[in-house]
Amino acid sequence: MLPPVILDLRALAELATRGVELDFERLQLFGGSPMTDALASRVSFGNMGAETFVVYENERKQHALGVVQARQRKNHSEADITFIAPALYRNADAVTTWYRLLAEAARGLGALGCQRIYATVPYGNGAEQVFQQAGFVTFTREQIFFLDASGVRALRAAQTASKSVLAIRRLRKRDTWNVLRLYAAVTPRHVQSAEAMLTTEGVSGKPEDWWEYLNGTSYLIEDGGTLTGLARITRGRLATWVRFYLTPQAGAYAADVVAQTMSLISKTRTRPIYVAVRDYEGGIRAPLEAAGLALQLERSNMVKHTTVRVREPLPWLAPVLETSKTPAIHRTQRVREK
């Protein structure tokens, strides 16, 4: 019988063209394939590869029902579901298979030390409902805006000298705490809790580790020396990805922020640009459309916790006075959280 790794790779090869790519950002920036991710995880490429989990029809492993992949985040006890097969529309039993795959991935990733599993799924095609039944919770939705290469070239050709009073500069290490305060101010509490950005669980302590796991460059937006926003720009081989974090005060000049950011990107490259806008960041949509970006798709950001805090009684010995003159020791209960 073939080794388990070879069997899993064979199953992945059979199902790779019948699944759903969920890591849209990395796919648009760098390309790749499920097989490449599976092989990379075997040759110590850091977080470039992905763990592969396969569900078979029986113990003989002759027929694979489905496969799911997840990539662990660098320096974090977290992982992202990146690929799952077969797609819901390709198999009448795909929903049941997805439940089994997601349960297997949760067990496997939990054994590797992952405390949270994230998934970003297309909105409105049934995938979100299946993930919810598998224990995932939607904590925000986001829209992806897109500007193709010809649009970027047009922006570059139309650039004029800016008279903006805004200052945009790269993030420095000493800015970390100001940026954390900015994140806390502009992000709803339930999203902060889901992303665990303001905790130190599994974080190395570097400023960039407070932000998303993909490599990127953060630019601070200042108005008269006051921090009013941040733009995180990730430049990939195939495209550029942008996220904005803007205070309500920055809404008055959001168009200027978008214009300067697009100018900053188009000065050095003419690859397509993607901008992710979450449902609580409504003030940026109109400026993006005015700059020529078009809405491409909507996604749901979801999370599942593999570990939870529990409260258990802790035996505690305490002196209690009785009617007699001799003190007695009684066992009482004190609750400890772990």
Protein backbone atom coordinates (compact mmCIF):
# COMPACT_ATOMS: atom_id res chain seq x y z
CA MET A 1 0.00 0.00 0.00
CA LEU A 2 1.23 3.49 -0.83
CA PRO A 3 2.39 5.76 2.03
CA PRO A 4 -0.32 8.13 3.39
CA VAL A 5 1.44 11.21 2.00
CA ILE A 6 1.46 9.78 -1.52
CA LEU A 7 -2.19 8.77 -1.20
CA ASP A 8 -3.12 12.30 -0.11
CA LEU A 9 -1.19 13.87 -2.98
CA ARG A 10 -2.87 11.52 -5.43
CA ALA A 11 -6.28 12.47 -4.04
CA LEU A 12 -5.41 16.15 -4.26
CA ALA A 13 -4.34 15.76 -7.88
CA GLU A 14 -7.72 14.20 -8.68
CA LEU A 15 -9.73 16.90 -6.91
CA ALA A 16 -7.63 20.01 -7.54
CA THR A 17 -9.67 21.16 -10.54
CA ARG A 18 -13.04 20.50 -8.87
CA GLY A 19 -12.70 22.65 -5.78
CA VAL A 20 -13.02 26.21 -4.53
CA GLU A 21 -10.05 28.52 -3.95
CA LEU A 22 -10.75 30.50 -0.77
CA ASP A 23 -7.46 32.40 -0.41
CA PHE A 24 -8.47 34.98 -3.02
CA GLU A 25 -5.91 37.56 -1.91
CA ARG A 26 -2.85 35.33 -2.18
CA LEU A 27 -4.14 33.83 -5.42
CA GLN A 28 -4.47 37.23 -7.08
CA LEU A 29 -1.13 38.47 -5.76
CA PHE A 30 1.09 35.45 -6.31
CA GLY A 31 -0.83 32.75 -8.15
CA GLY A 32 -0.18 29.14 -7.16
CA SER A 33 -2.17 25.93 -6.93
CA PRO A 34 -3.32 23.44 -4.25
CA MET A 35 -0.66 20.95 -5.35
CA THR A 36 2.09 23.57 -5.09
CA ASP A 37 0.94 24.43 -1.57
CA ALA A 38 0.88 20.77 -0.55
CA LEU A 39 4.39 20.15 -1.83
CA ALA A 40 5.75 23.36 -0.30
CA SER A 41 4.55 22.32 3.16
CA ARG A 42 6.77 19.23 2.89
CA VAL A 43 10.00 21.08 2.18
CA SER A 44 9.97 23.69 4.97
CA PHE A 45 9.00 26.80 3.02
CA GLY A 46 7.67 28.51 6.13
CA ASN A 47 4.08 29.62 5.68
CA MET A 48 4.26 29.27 1.89
CA GLY A 49 2.75 25.79 2.01
CA ALA A 50 -0.53 24.47 3.32
CA GLU A 51 -1.56 21.47 5.41
CA THR A 52 -3.70 19.02 3.44
CA PHE A 53 -6.51 16.92 4.94
CA VAL A 54 -8.29 14.21 2.93
CA VAL A 55 -11.49 12.31 3.71
CA TYR A 56 -11.74 8.84 2.15
CA GLU A 57 -14.70 6.61 1.49
CA ASN A 58 -13.31 3.82 3.66
CA GLU A 59 -10.17 2.78 5.51
CA ARG A 60 -8.65 1.30 2.38
CA LYS A 61 -8.27 4.84 1.02
CA GLN A 62 -9.02 3.85 -2.54
CA HIS A 63 -11.50 6.63 -3.20
CA ALA A 64 -11.15 10.19 -1.86
CA LEU A 65 -14.41 11.97 -1.11
CA GLY A 66 -12.89 15.41 -0.58
CA VAL A 67 -9.86 17.46 0.38
CA VAL A 68 -9.32 20.66 2.35
CA GLN A 69 -6.17 22.76 2.81
CA ALA A 70 -5.22 25.30 5.46
CA ARG A 71 -2.19 27.58 5.79
CA GLN A 72 -0.78 28.40 9.21
CA ARG A 73 -0.03 32.07 9.87
CA LYS A 74 3.55 32.99 10.60
CA ASN A 75 4.18 33.72 14.30
CA HIS A 76 0.49 33.20 15.11
CA SER A 77 -1.45 30.27 16.52
CA GLU A 78 -3.92 30.66 13.65
CA ALA A 79 -4.61 29.18 10.22
CA ASP A 80 -6.65 30.00 7.12
CA ILE A 81 -8.72 27.59 5.06
CA THR A 82 -7.38 28.07 1.52
CA PHE A 83 -8.97 25.35 -0.62
CA ILE A 84 -11.81 22.84 -0.38
CA ALA A 85 -13.09 20.25 -2.86
CA PRO A 86 -15.36 19.23 -4.38
CA ALA A 87 -17.31 22.45 -4.98
CA LEU A 88 -20.88 22.43 -3.71
CA TYR A 89 -22.36 22.41 -7.22
CA ARG A 90 -20.21 19.50 -8.40
CA ASN A 91 -21.49 16.76 -6.12
CA ALA A 92 -24.86 16.03 -4.52
CA ASP A 93 -23.11 14.91 -1.33
CA ALA A 94 -20.67 17.84 -1.22
CA VAL A 95 -22.36 19.46 1.80
CA THR A 96 -21.88 16.33 3.92
CA THR A 97 -18.32 16.01 2.66
CA TRP A 98 -17.57 19.62 3.62
CA TYR A 99 -18.78 18.97 7.18
CA ARG A 100 -16.43 16.01 7.47
CA LEU A 101 -13.53 17.92 5.90
CA LEU A 102 -13.91 20.95 8.16
CA ALA A 103 -14.17 18.74 11.25
CA GLU A 104 -11.01 16.87 10.21
CA ALA A 105 -9.18 20.15 9.56
CA ALA A 106 -10.21 21.50 12.99
CA ARG A 107 -8.87 18.37 14.70
CA GLY A 108 -5.64 18.37 12.72
CA LEU A 109 -4.93 22.08 13.10
CA GLY A 110 -5.82 21.98 16.78
CA ALA A 111 -3.23 19.24 17.24
CA LEU A 112 -0.68 21.56 15.59
CA GLY A 113 -1.42 24.28 18.14
CA CYS A 114 -3.83 26.47 16.14
CA GLN A 115 -6.33 28.24 18.38
CA ARG A 116 -8.33 29.94 15.63
CA ILE A 117 -9.20 28.88 12.09
CA TYR A 118 -10.27 31.54 9.61
CA ALA A 119 -12.10 31.24 6.32
CA THR A 120 -13.08 33.88 3.78
CA VAL A 121 -15.87 32.50 1.63
CA PRO A 122 -17.91 33.93 -1.27
CA TYR A 123 -21.10 35.58 -0.07
CA GLY A 124 -24.45 34.34 -1.34
CA ASN A 125 -23.62 30.95 -2.88
CA GLY A 126 -24.36 28.68 0.10
CA ALA A 127 -20.77 28.24 1.27
CA GLU A 128 -21.25 30.54 4.26
CA GLN A 129 -24.19 28.50 5.52
CA VAL A 130 -22.21 25.26 5.35
CA PHE A 131 -19.30 26.78 7.28
CA GLN A 132 -21.73 28.11 9.90
CA GLN A 133 -23.15 24.63 10.41
CA ALA A 134 -19.57 23.42 10.84
CA GLY A 135 -19.01 25.83 13.74
CA PHE A 136 -17.67 28.93 11.99
CA VAL A 137 -19.02 32.39 12.87
CA THR A 138 -19.23 35.32 10.46
CA PHE A 139 -17.65 38.40 12.05
CA THR A 140 -17.65 40.79 9.07
CA ARG A 141 -18.23 40.99 5.34
CA GLU A 142 -16.09 42.76 2.81
CA GLN A 143 -16.32 43.97 -0.75
CA ILE A 144 -13.42 43.72 -3.19
CA PHE A 145 -12.90 46.61 -5.61
CA PHE A 146 -10.73 46.16 -8.69
CA LEU A 147 -8.77 48.34 -11.11
CA ASP A 148 -7.16 46.59 -14.07
CA ALA A 149 -3.71 47.33 -15.46
CA SER A 150 -5.02 49.72 -18.13
CA GLY A 151 -6.80 51.72 -15.43
CA VAL A 152 -3.59 51.92 -13.40
CA ARG A 153 -1.70 53.15 -16.46
CA ALA A 154 -4.37 55.81 -17.00
CA LEU A 155 -3.97 56.95 -13.40
CA ARG A 156 -0.23 57.16 -13.86
CA ALA A 157 -0.56 59.24 -17.01
CA ALA A 158 -3.05 61.60 -15.35
CA GLN A 159 -0.98 62.26 -12.24
CA THR A 160 -0.51 65.92 -11.37
CA ALA A 161 1.30 67.71 -8.61
CA SER A 162 -0.65 67.24 -5.38
CA LYS A 163 -1.57 70.18 -3.18
CA SER A 164 -2.86 67.98 -0.38
CA VAL A 165 -2.20 68.91 3.23
CA LEU A 166 -2.10 65.23 4.14
CA ALA A 167 1.22 63.55 4.86
CA ILE A 168 1.72 59.88 3.95
CA ARG A 169 4.80 58.13 5.28
CA ARG A 170 5.94 54.59 6.00
CA LEU A 171 5.23 52.98 9.35
CA ARG A 172 8.14 52.96 11.78
CA LYS A 173 8.62 50.80 14.86
CA ARG A 174 7.98 53.72 17.20
CA ASP A 175 4.51 54.15 15.63
CA THR A 176 3.29 50.75 16.79
CA TRP A 177 1.23 51.82 19.79
CA ASN A 178 -0.38 54.71 17.92
CA VAL A 179 -1.35 52.28 15.18
CA LEU A 180 -2.82 49.87 17.72
CA ARG A 181 -4.92 52.69 19.12
CA LEU A 182 -6.03 53.54 15.60
CA TYR A 183 -7.06 49.93 14.98
CA ALA A 184 -8.99 49.83 18.27
CA ALA A 185 -10.76 53.09 17.41
CA VAL A 186 -11.92 52.14 13.92
CA THR A 187 -12.66 48.42 14.38
CA PRO A 188 -15.84 47.14 16.07
CA ARG A 189 -15.28 45.22 19.28
CA HIS A 190 -16.66 41.93 17.96
CA VAL A 191 -14.21 42.09 15.03
CA GLN A 192 -11.32 42.82 17.39
CA SER A 193 -12.32 39.80 19.44
CA ALA A 194 -12.56 37.57 16.37
CA GLU A 195 -9.19 38.67 14.99
CA ALA A 196 -7.42 38.69 18.39
CA MET A 197 -5.25 41.52 17.10
CA LEU A 198 -4.82 43.21 20.47
CA THR A 199 -3.67 40.13 22.34
CA THR A 200 -0.17 38.68 22.57
CA GLU A 201 -1.16 35.05 21.97
CA GLY A 202 1.43 33.57 19.65
CA VAL A 203 2.75 36.96 18.50
CA SER A 204 6.48 37.55 18.19
CA GLY A 205 6.27 41.20 19.26
CA LYS A 206 7.33 42.77 15.96
CA PRO A 207 5.17 45.68 14.74
CA GLU A 208 4.31 43.98 11.49
CA ASP A 209 2.96 40.96 13.39
CA TRP A 210 0.08 43.04 14.66
CA TRP A 211 -1.17 43.15 11.07
CA GLU A 212 -2.24 40.51 8.65
CA TYR A 213 0.09 37.63 7.92
CA LEU A 214 0.84 38.54 4.30
CA ASN A 215 3.92 40.67 3.74
CA GLY A 216 2.99 44.29 3.17
CA THR A 217 4.07 47.88 3.73
CA SER A 218 2.03 50.15 5.98
CA TYR A 219 1.77 53.90 5.33
CA LEU A 220 0.52 56.30 7.97
CA ILE A 221 -1.84 59.13 6.98
CA GLU A 222 -1.41 62.26 9.06
CA ASP A 223 -3.31 65.53 9.11
CA GLY A 224 -1.38 68.29 10.82
CA GLY A 225 0.73 65.75 12.68
CA THR A 226 -2.32 63.78 13.90
CA LEU A 227 -2.66 60.14 12.85
CA THR A 228 -5.97 59.79 11.01
CA GLY A 229 -5.50 56.58 9.04
CA LEU A 230 -3.32 53.86 7.65
CA ALA A 231 -3.02 52.22 4.25
CA ARG A 232 -1.50 48.73 4.09
CA ILE A 233 -0.15 47.96 0.63
CA THR A 234 0.86 44.42 -0.33
CA ARG A 235 2.73 44.21 -3.62
CA GLY A 236 2.63 40.79 -5.25
CA ARG A 237 4.04 39.35 -8.43
CA LEU A 238 0.70 39.71 -10.24
CA ALA A 239 -1.16 42.54 -8.50
CA THR A 240 -1.32 44.94 -5.54
CA TRP A 241 -3.69 44.59 -2.57
CA VAL A 242 -4.76 47.55 -0.38
CA ARG A 243 -6.53 47.85 2.97
CA PHE A 244 -7.48 51.17 4.55
CA TYR A 245 -7.94 51.92 8.26
CA LEU A 246 -9.46 55.41 8.52
CA THR A 247 -10.86 57.35 11.45
CA PRO A 248 -14.27 59.03 11.08
CA GLN A 249 -12.45 62.36 10.83
CA ALA A 250 -10.69 61.11 7.70
CA GLY A 251 -14.03 60.69 5.94
CA ALA A 252 -13.98 64.37 5.00
CA TYR A 253 -10.92 63.82 2.81
CA ALA A 254 -11.26 60.11 1.94
CA ALA A 255 -11.11 60.98 -1.76
CA ASP A 256 -7.72 62.62 -1.19
CA VAL A 257 -6.51 59.55 0.73
CA VAL A 258 -7.55 57.25 -2.13
CA ALA A 259 -6.00 59.51 -4.76
CA GLN A 260 -2.66 59.73 -2.96
CA THR A 261 -2.56 55.98 -2.31
CA MET A 262 -3.34 55.14 -5.93
CA SER A 263 -0.67 57.63 -7.02
CA LEU A 264 1.86 56.06 -4.65
CA ILE A 265 1.22 52.62 -6.14
CA SER A 266 1.08 53.62 -9.82
CA LYS A 267 4.38 55.50 -9.62
CA THR A 268 6.31 52.25 -9.35
CA ARG A 269 4.07 49.62 -11.00
CA THR A 270 1.15 49.20 -13.36
CA ARG A 271 -0.19 45.86 -12.18
CA PRO A 272 -3.89 45.52 -11.26
CA ILE A 273 -5.02 46.90 -7.89
CA TYR A 274 -7.46 45.26 -5.45
CA VAL A 275 -8.94 47.13 -2.47
CA ALA A 276 -10.75 45.27 0.32
CA VAL A 277 -13.47 47.28 2.09
CA ARG A 278 -15.26 45.86 5.13
CA ASP A 279 -18.92 46.49 5.88
CA TYR A 280 -18.12 49.00 8.66
CA GLU A 281 -15.86 51.05 6.34
CA GLY A 282 -18.58 52.57 4.18
CA GLY A 283 -17.01 56.01 3.73
CA ILE A 284 -14.33 54.75 1.35
CA ARG A 285 -16.55 53.13 -1.30
CA ALA A 286 -17.61 56.28 -3.19
CA PRO A 287 -14.01 57.62 -3.48
CA LEU A 288 -12.87 54.24 -4.82
CA GLU A 289 -15.57 54.23 -7.50
CA ALA A 290 -14.73 57.83 -8.37
CA ALA A 291 -11.10 56.75 -8.87
CA GLY A 292 -12.21 54.13 -11.39
CA LEU A 293 -12.30 50.99 -9.23
CA ALA A 294 -15.26 48.65 -9.76
CA LEU A 295 -16.90 46.26 -7.30
CA GLN A 296 -15.84 42.71 -8.19
CA LEU A 297 -17.16 40.43 -5.43
CA GLU A 298 -18.35 40.22 -1.83
CA ARG A 299 -16.97 37.83 0.77
CA SER A 300 -17.70 36.77 4.35
CA ASN A 301 -14.92 36.61 6.94
CA MET A 302 -15.45 33.73 9.36
CA VAL A 303 -13.66 32.22 12.35
CA LYS A 304 -13.80 29.04 14.39
CA HIS A 305 -12.08 28.60 17.75
CA THR A 306 -10.41 25.27 18.40
CA THR A 307 -9.89 26.10 22.10
CA VAL A 308 -12.16 27.87 24.57
CA ARG A 309 -11.78 29.26 28.05
CA VAL A 310 -13.41 27.10 30.69
CA ARG A 311 -14.12 27.65 34.36
CA GLU A 312 -13.58 24.76 36.72
CA PRO A 313 -13.80 24.50 40.50
CA LEU A 314 -10.46 24.58 42.30
CA PRO A 315 -10.30 22.90 45.71
CA TRP A 316 -9.14 25.40 48.32
CA LEU A 317 -8.48 24.82 51.99
CA ALA A 318 -9.78 27.59 54.23
CA PRO A 319 -10.07 27.85 58.03
CA VAL A 320 -13.65 27.99 59.30
CA LEU A 321 -14.61 28.73 62.91
CA GLU A 322 -16.89 26.18 64.53
CA THR A 323 -18.78 26.16 67.78
CA SER A 324 -15.86 24.45 69.51
CA LYS A 325 -12.73 26.34 70.40
CA THR A 326 -10.62 24.24 68.05
CA PRO A 327 -10.54 25.59 64.49
CA ALA A 328 -11.33 23.06 61.78
CA ILE A 329 -10.20 22.95 58.15
CA HIS A 330 -13.01 22.63 55.62
CA ARG A 331 -12.80 22.07 51.87
CA THR A 332 -14.47 24.91 50.00
CA GLN A 333 -14.64 25.80 46.33
CA ARG A 334 -12.98 28.67 44.58
CA VAL A 335 -13.39 29.16 40.86
CA ARG A 336 -10.31 29.57 38.73
CA GLU A 337 -10.31 30.47 35.04
CA LYS A 338 -7.82 28.78 32.81
